[in-house]
Structures are given as C-alpha cells and as structure tokens.
Amino acid sequence: MSGGEAEVEERSSGRRPAKGSVLEKVIGAVLFGVVFLGTLVWGALPFTFGVALAAVIGSVELFSLFETKGQATPTAAIIGIAGSLAYVFLAHFRPIESFGYVTVALIFVSFMWYMVVLRHVKPTKAVALTVFAPLLCGFCLSYFVLLRDFAGETNPNHNNGWWIVLFLILLIWVYDIFAWMIGRKIGRHKMAPTISPNKSWEGTVAGTLGALASALLFRQLIQWILGDNKFGWFSIWVALVIGLIVAVLGPLGDLSESLIKRDYGVKDMGRLIPGHGGVMDRFDSSFFTVPAVFFFLFYFVF
C-alpha cells in the first residue's frame, strides 16, 4: 500500500506525464486491489497465505537489491525468506509472543551461517541485512493478519475482522490518491527533497484531509451495514485516530523505503505490479501504519 505521491518532476521541465503511464498505474492498482481484497474477504487462512506471498516477494526484492552490492548471498536469502514466512504464519496460528522466538532464531542462525559457512564474507552488515529483510517484510506485514484475526475475535458471534482491515486499506489508498492528485497539480514545496523529490507538503496536507474525511465516511458506512451491536466499539474518535495514524506513519514508511532505494540507486524495488513497481513499493506505507493501528486498538480500544 504505497503512500507515495507521484508529484512528477515533469512540472519543473514543462513536460506532462504520458497518459499511458497513468493508465498503467490504474490497471496495476485495480489488479492488486482485486487480489488483495479477494483473499481478505475469502477468509482468514487465504488472507494469511496472501500476506505470506507478499512477504516472500518483498524479501526476494530486498535480497536481490542487497546482492547487487555483494552484501548478501542467495543462500542467506533463504534464511530471511523463511523468517518472513514464520512471522506471517505464526501471526495466524500462534500468540503474538511467538514473534520473539522467530527474531532470536533469525539472529542466531544468521550468525552461525556467517561464522561456519561463509567465513569470507564481512559478517556484521551481512547478518544485519539477513535479519532486516524479514523484520520489514515479514514482521511488519504480519500485523495485517493479526489485525484481521484480532478484530474478528472481539465479537465471537460475528467474524467481522476483515472490515477493519478493509477500512485501513481504503484510508491508505485515499491518502495516496489525494496526495498524488493535489501534489501533481499544485505541489510546490518539497517535503523531503534529498530523499524523495517528488513529494510536496501540498500533497501531504491534501492526503491528510482526505484520509480524515474518509475515516468518518467509511466508519458511518460500516456502522450502517453491520449495525452498532456488531461494531459498537468503532466510535468516531477511533476512526479519526486511525486516519491520523495513516496520515502520519504512511508517508514515513514510504520515505523509509525511498531512503533504501536512493542508497542503492534504483527507482523501484521490482516490476511485479504494472505502474507501481514491486511489492515493497506497494506496501511501503503499511510497514509502520498497520502495526501502529493494531497496538492502538489492542491497548486503547479493546
């Protein structure tokens, strides 16, 4: 779920983006939305498999990037990918405390691998990257699964967990669309020119207002469809806080991924999704947002 706003640099050169590129972005977004939302509605286990697939592809994209500078090996990538899968599936089958087991195992196995097998590789950065990829792709994305299961468990008589995940996804998309449209039209003041020069403060403000307004609208629709007896905890203040989390942490997740891409000199992490790049490019604003929403609901609502 990328929060990246495409305030294109063509404004400064007087060129407008090709219509084909916009159409490609729309088609890519629709295809991605159908697949992701389809598994979300289908069931908890299919959704877990869908998130696991995204975590694996994201891990592959990261390790492919690391390998371009000789900072990781294909065999080490297997350790990281296994860690990503473990995070996602444990989120569905085991308590949240099991995440600690995976993290300790990842660190231990990574050290043992570079200590015993690949002794010629500089170990510090290699171990750090081997652990970093599953933490970002597996650990962070696993909160989608936790959020879906947890929200459904709040009312055992009604499995409505996918509604809150849908609500969150839609807010991220709304922020993305508003930031892209307004930033592309009137974006003048750069938000982080050294990291992502296409982002502007005008787009950020527009995305924030769009996310907050949509939070109220979507909350009203959910209450109307499900009724207060099923989603009575979903008050106006809860919806607004989730919208604010999306507006603050979504762009920070996107900028964090842009920091990695700038460090490695690439435009996109992959080419899987037409017009959007790879899985990492699509989920970047979810890395911080989804865990934050989960813990907000866990500690302050439920």
Protein backbone atom coordinates (compact mmCIF):
# COMPACT_ATOMS: atom_id res chain seq x y z
CA MET A 1 0.00 0.00 0.00
CA SER A 2 2.20 2.73 -1.08
CA GLY A 3 1.67 6.17 0.35
CA GLY A 4 3.99 7.60 -2.30
CA GLU A 5 2.55 10.59 -4.06
CA ALA A 6 3.66 10.90 -7.63
CA GLU A 7 4.14 14.62 -7.89
CA VAL A 8 6.06 14.24 -11.08
CA GLU A 9 9.20 16.17 -11.71
CA GLU A 10 7.97 16.88 -15.24
CA ARG A 11 6.31 20.01 -13.80
CA SER A 12 9.68 21.70 -13.46
CA SER A 13 10.64 20.88 -17.03
CA GLY A 14 7.28 21.78 -18.51
CA ARG A 15 6.51 18.20 -19.55
CA ARG A 16 3.36 16.33 -18.53
CA PRO A 17 3.39 12.61 -17.81
CA ALA A 18 2.25 10.33 -20.58
CA LYS A 19 -1.36 9.19 -20.37
CA GLY A 20 -0.22 5.63 -20.80
CA SER A 21 1.72 5.80 -17.52
CA VAL A 22 -1.39 6.95 -15.64
CA LEU A 23 -3.49 4.21 -17.25
CA GLU A 24 -0.84 1.67 -16.33
CA LYS A 25 -0.96 2.82 -12.71
CA VAL A 26 -4.75 2.49 -12.65
CA ILE A 27 -4.69 -1.01 -14.15
CA GLY A 28 -1.94 -2.08 -11.75
CA ALA A 29 -3.83 -0.71 -8.76
CA VAL A 30 -7.05 -2.47 -9.81
CA LEU A 31 -5.32 -5.82 -10.30
CA PHE A 32 -3.53 -5.52 -6.99
CA GLY A 33 -6.74 -4.48 -5.20
CA VAL A 34 -8.73 -7.41 -6.61
CA VAL A 35 -6.15 -9.96 -5.50
CA PHE A 36 -5.50 -8.47 -2.06
CA LEU A 37 -9.11 -7.69 -1.18
CA GLY A 38 -10.26 -11.01 -2.62
CA THR A 39 -8.15 -13.00 -0.16
CA LEU A 40 -9.15 -10.62 2.66
CA VAL A 41 -12.86 -11.35 2.18
CA TRP A 42 -12.34 -15.03 1.32
CA GLY A 43 -11.19 -15.98 4.79
CA ALA A 44 -8.55 -15.71 7.49
CA LEU A 45 -6.37 -18.54 6.18
CA PRO A 46 -6.45 -17.46 2.49
CA PHE A 47 -5.60 -13.93 3.64
CA THR A 48 -2.68 -15.31 5.67
CA PHE A 49 -1.38 -17.08 2.56
CA GLY A 50 -1.80 -13.88 0.56
CA VAL A 51 0.17 -11.82 3.08
CA ALA A 52 2.80 -14.58 3.25
CA LEU A 53 3.20 -14.45 -0.53
CA ALA A 54 3.63 -10.67 -0.39
CA ALA A 55 6.21 -11.06 2.40
CA VAL A 56 8.17 -13.61 0.38
CA ILE A 57 8.18 -11.48 -2.78
CA GLY A 58 9.15 -8.40 -0.78
CA SER A 59 12.01 -10.33 0.84
CA VAL A 60 13.22 -11.52 -2.56
CA GLU A 61 13.16 -7.93 -3.83
CA LEU A 62 15.22 -6.75 -0.88
CA PHE A 63 17.78 -9.56 -1.07
CA SER A 64 18.11 -9.05 -4.82
CA LEU A 65 18.92 -5.43 -4.06
CA PHE A 66 21.48 -6.41 -1.41
CA GLU A 67 23.15 -8.84 -3.81
CA THR A 68 23.79 -6.08 -6.36
CA LYS A 69 26.43 -4.75 -3.97
CA GLY A 70 27.62 -8.12 -2.75
CA GLN A 71 26.09 -7.60 0.69
CA ALA A 72 24.09 -10.84 0.82
CA THR A 73 24.07 -14.28 -0.76
CA PRO A 74 21.25 -16.36 -2.27
CA THR A 75 21.64 -18.94 0.49
CA ALA A 76 21.40 -16.29 3.18
CA ALA A 77 18.27 -15.04 1.46
CA ILE A 78 16.66 -18.40 2.21
CA ILE A 79 17.15 -17.71 5.92
CA GLY A 80 15.47 -14.33 5.59
CA ILE A 81 12.58 -15.64 3.49
CA ALA A 82 11.99 -18.46 5.99
CA GLY A 83 11.87 -15.84 8.73
CA SER A 84 9.30 -13.79 6.81
CA LEU A 85 7.08 -16.85 6.38
CA ALA A 86 7.43 -17.75 10.07
CA TYR A 87 6.33 -14.27 11.17
CA VAL A 88 3.21 -14.29 8.99
CA PHE A 89 2.01 -17.81 9.75
CA LEU A 90 2.72 -17.53 13.47
CA ALA A 91 0.60 -14.39 13.48
CA HIS A 92 -2.36 -16.59 12.50
CA PHE A 93 -1.63 -19.83 14.34
CA ARG A 94 0.21 -18.73 17.49
CA PRO A 95 0.08 -15.87 20.05
CA ILE A 96 1.90 -12.64 19.34
CA GLU A 97 4.57 -13.60 21.91
CA SER A 98 5.91 -16.17 19.44
CA PHE A 99 7.40 -13.34 17.38
CA GLY A 100 10.25 -13.22 19.85
CA TYR A 101 11.18 -16.83 19.08
CA VAL A 102 11.46 -16.05 15.37
CA THR A 103 13.59 -12.97 15.95
CA VAL A 104 16.03 -14.77 18.25
CA ALA A 105 16.22 -17.72 15.83
CA LEU A 106 16.91 -15.38 12.89
CA ILE A 107 19.76 -13.65 14.69
CA PHE A 108 21.27 -16.94 15.90
CA VAL A 109 21.04 -18.76 12.56
CA SER A 110 22.42 -15.74 10.69
CA PHE A 111 25.45 -15.53 12.95
CA MET A 112 26.04 -19.28 12.74
CA TRP A 113 25.74 -19.20 8.95
CA TYR A 114 28.36 -16.49 8.50
CA MET A 115 30.53 -17.93 11.25
CA VAL A 116 30.67 -21.51 9.99
CA VAL A 117 29.79 -21.50 6.28
CA LEU A 118 30.55 -18.10 4.73
CA ARG A 119 33.57 -17.06 6.73
CA HIS A 120 34.97 -14.98 3.85
CA VAL A 121 32.02 -12.54 3.93
CA LYS A 122 32.14 -9.45 6.15
CA PRO A 123 29.71 -10.64 8.80
CA THR A 124 28.36 -7.53 10.52
CA LYS A 125 26.50 -6.00 7.58
CA ALA A 126 25.60 -9.44 6.20
CA VAL A 127 23.95 -10.53 9.46
CA ALA A 128 22.18 -7.17 9.83
CA LEU A 129 20.71 -7.36 6.31
CA THR A 130 19.72 -11.02 6.69
CA VAL A 131 17.69 -10.09 9.77
CA PHE A 132 16.46 -6.75 8.42
CA ALA A 133 14.58 -8.12 5.41
CA PRO A 134 12.26 -10.49 7.32
CA LEU A 135 11.70 -7.86 10.00
CA LEU A 136 10.50 -5.34 7.42
CA CYS A 137 8.62 -7.70 5.07
CA GLY A 138 7.51 -10.47 7.40
CA PHE A 139 7.20 -8.94 10.84
CA CYS A 140 5.59 -5.65 9.79
CA LEU A 141 3.20 -7.18 7.24
CA SER A 142 2.18 -9.94 9.67
CA TYR A 143 0.20 -7.31 11.57
CA PHE A 144 -2.32 -7.41 8.73
CA VAL A 145 -3.05 -10.99 9.80
CA LEU A 146 -3.04 -10.13 13.50
CA LEU A 147 -5.39 -7.21 12.92
CA ARG A 148 -7.85 -9.26 10.88
CA ASP A 149 -7.94 -12.10 13.38
CA PHE A 150 -7.91 -9.86 16.45
CA ALA A 151 -10.69 -7.54 15.30
CA GLY A 152 -12.83 -10.58 14.47
CA GLU A 153 -12.25 -12.11 17.89
CA THR A 154 -13.61 -9.03 19.66
CA ASN A 155 -17.09 -10.35 18.91
CA PRO A 156 -17.03 -14.17 18.73
CA ASN A 157 -20.52 -14.28 17.23
CA HIS A 158 -19.58 -12.27 14.17
CA ASN A 159 -16.36 -12.64 12.20
CA ASN A 160 -16.04 -9.03 11.11
CA GLY A 161 -12.29 -8.68 11.39
CA TRP A 162 -11.84 -8.10 7.68
CA TRP A 163 -13.93 -4.92 7.89
CA ILE A 164 -11.36 -3.06 9.98
CA VAL A 165 -8.54 -4.21 7.68
CA LEU A 166 -10.59 -3.05 4.68
CA PHE A 167 -11.19 0.27 6.43
CA LEU A 168 -7.45 0.73 6.99
CA ILE A 169 -6.52 -0.25 3.43
CA LEU A 170 -9.07 2.17 1.97
CA LEU A 171 -7.72 5.02 4.10
CA ILE A 172 -4.19 4.34 2.89
CA TRP A 173 -5.40 4.32 -0.71
CA VAL A 174 -7.40 7.52 -0.23
CA TYR A 175 -4.38 9.25 1.26
CA ASP A 176 -2.29 8.04 -1.67
CA ILE A 177 -4.78 9.25 -4.29
CA PHE A 178 -5.36 12.69 -2.75
CA ALA A 179 -1.64 13.26 -2.19
CA TRP A 180 -0.86 12.22 -5.76
CA MET A 181 -3.61 14.30 -7.40
CA ILE A 182 -3.12 17.52 -5.45
CA GLY A 183 0.66 17.25 -5.32
CA ARG A 184 0.75 16.67 -9.08
CA LYS A 185 -1.39 19.75 -9.72
CA ILE A 186 -0.15 22.35 -7.23
CA GLY A 187 2.81 20.77 -5.43
CA ARG A 188 5.48 23.45 -4.95
CA HIS A 189 7.11 22.95 -1.54
CA LYS A 190 9.17 19.78 -1.38
CA MET A 191 8.65 17.59 1.67
CA ALA A 192 11.94 15.68 1.60
CA PRO A 193 13.90 16.77 -1.49
CA THR A 194 17.04 14.78 -0.68
CA ILE A 195 15.10 11.53 -0.16
CA SER A 196 12.06 11.72 -2.44
CA PRO A 197 11.96 14.92 -4.51
CA ASN A 198 8.51 14.14 -5.95
CA LYS A 199 6.70 14.66 -2.63
CA SER A 200 5.32 18.02 -1.60
CA TRP A 201 3.73 19.47 1.52
CA GLU A 202 0.66 20.40 -0.51
CA GLY A 203 0.13 16.76 -1.38
CA THR A 204 0.71 15.73 2.24
CA VAL A 205 -1.92 18.16 3.53
CA ALA A 206 -4.40 17.03 0.89
CA GLY A 207 -3.78 13.38 1.71
CA THR A 208 -4.23 14.03 5.43
CA LEU A 209 -7.54 15.85 4.96
CA GLY A 210 -8.75 13.17 2.56
CA ALA A 211 -7.84 10.38 4.99
CA LEU A 212 -9.58 12.05 7.95
CA ALA A 213 -12.73 12.84 5.96
CA SER A 214 -12.81 9.33 4.54
CA ALA A 215 -12.36 7.86 8.01
CA LEU A 216 -15.63 9.47 9.10
CA LEU A 217 -17.42 8.46 5.90
CA PHE A 218 -16.24 4.83 5.87
CA ARG A 219 -16.94 4.48 9.58
CA GLN A 220 -20.52 5.61 9.02
CA LEU A 221 -20.93 3.12 6.16
CA ILE A 222 -19.58 0.24 8.25
CA GLN A 223 -21.88 1.09 11.15
CA TRP A 224 -24.81 1.31 8.76
CA ILE A 225 -24.02 -2.05 7.15
CA LEU A 226 -23.11 -4.01 10.29
CA GLY A 227 -25.01 -2.20 12.99
CA ASP A 228 -23.84 -0.91 16.36
CA ASN A 229 -24.32 -4.31 18.01
CA LYS A 230 -21.50 -5.78 15.88
CA PHE A 231 -19.10 -2.84 15.68
CA GLY A 232 -20.18 -0.77 18.67
CA TRP A 233 -16.56 -0.06 19.66
CA PHE A 234 -15.93 1.67 16.33
CA SER A 235 -16.60 5.23 17.52
CA ILE A 236 -15.88 8.50 15.72
CA TRP A 237 -12.74 9.12 17.77
CA VAL A 238 -11.39 5.64 16.95
CA ALA A 239 -11.93 6.25 13.23
CA LEU A 240 -10.21 9.66 13.40
CA VAL A 241 -7.20 8.31 15.31
CA ILE A 242 -6.76 5.56 12.70
CA GLY A 243 -6.99 8.21 9.99
CA LEU A 244 -4.35 10.29 11.76
CA ILE A 245 -2.05 7.25 12.09
CA VAL A 246 -2.37 6.68 8.34
CA ALA A 247 -1.63 10.35 7.60
CA VAL A 248 1.50 10.44 9.79
CA LEU A 249 3.06 6.98 9.54
CA GLY A 250 2.08 6.16 5.94
CA PRO A 251 4.32 8.83 4.38
CA LEU A 252 7.13 7.96 6.81
CA GLY A 253 7.00 4.34 5.67
CA ASP A 254 7.12 5.48 2.06
CA LEU A 255 10.07 7.79 2.76
CA SER A 256 11.88 4.99 4.58
CA GLU A 257 11.63 2.77 1.52
CA SER A 258 12.72 5.70 -0.67
CA LEU A 259 15.78 6.01 1.56
CA ILE A 260 16.71 2.41 0.76
CA LYS A 261 16.14 2.87 -2.97
CA ARG A 262 18.21 6.05 -3.04
CA ASP A 263 21.01 4.28 -1.18
CA TYR A 264 21.07 1.54 -3.84
CA GLY A 265 20.37 3.81 -6.80
CA VAL A 266 17.12 2.21 -8.01
CA LYS A 267 13.75 3.70 -8.91
CA ASP A 268 11.56 0.70 -8.00
CA MET A 269 12.09 -2.39 -5.89
CA GLY A 270 10.62 -4.61 -8.61
CA ARG A 271 8.33 -4.78 -11.63
CA LEU A 272 5.61 -7.15 -10.45
CA ILE A 273 2.77 -4.62 -10.37
CA PRO A 274 2.34 -2.59 -13.60
CA GLY A 275 2.93 1.10 -12.99
CA HIS A 276 3.72 0.63 -9.31
CA GLY A 277 6.94 -1.38 -9.18
CA GLY A 278 7.33 -4.25 -6.76
CA VAL A 279 5.56 -5.47 -3.65
CA MET A 280 7.78 -3.30 -1.46
CA ASP A 281 6.71 -0.25 -3.44
CA ARG A 282 3.07 -1.13 -2.92
CA PHE A 283 3.24 -1.94 0.79
CA ASP A 284 5.74 0.67 1.94
CA SER A 285 3.22 2.85 3.78
CA SER A 286 1.83 -0.21 5.57
CA PHE A 287 5.10 -1.12 7.30
CA PHE A 288 4.57 1.30 10.21
CA THR A 289 0.86 2.02 9.84
CA VAL A 290 -0.60 -1.46 10.34
CA PRO A 291 1.40 -2.33 13.50
CA ALA A 292 0.55 1.09 14.97
CA VAL A 293 -3.18 0.62 14.33
CA PHE A 294 -3.05 -2.87 15.85
CA PHE A 295 -1.40 -1.65 19.05
CA PHE A 296 -3.73 1.35 19.25
CA LEU A 297 -6.76 -0.95 19.17
CA PHE A 298 -5.08 -3.50 21.46
CA TYR A 299 -4.17 -1.07 24.23
CA PHE A 300 -6.71 1.76 23.98
CA VAL A 301 -9.90 0.32 22.44
CA PHE A 302 -10.30 -3.42 23.09
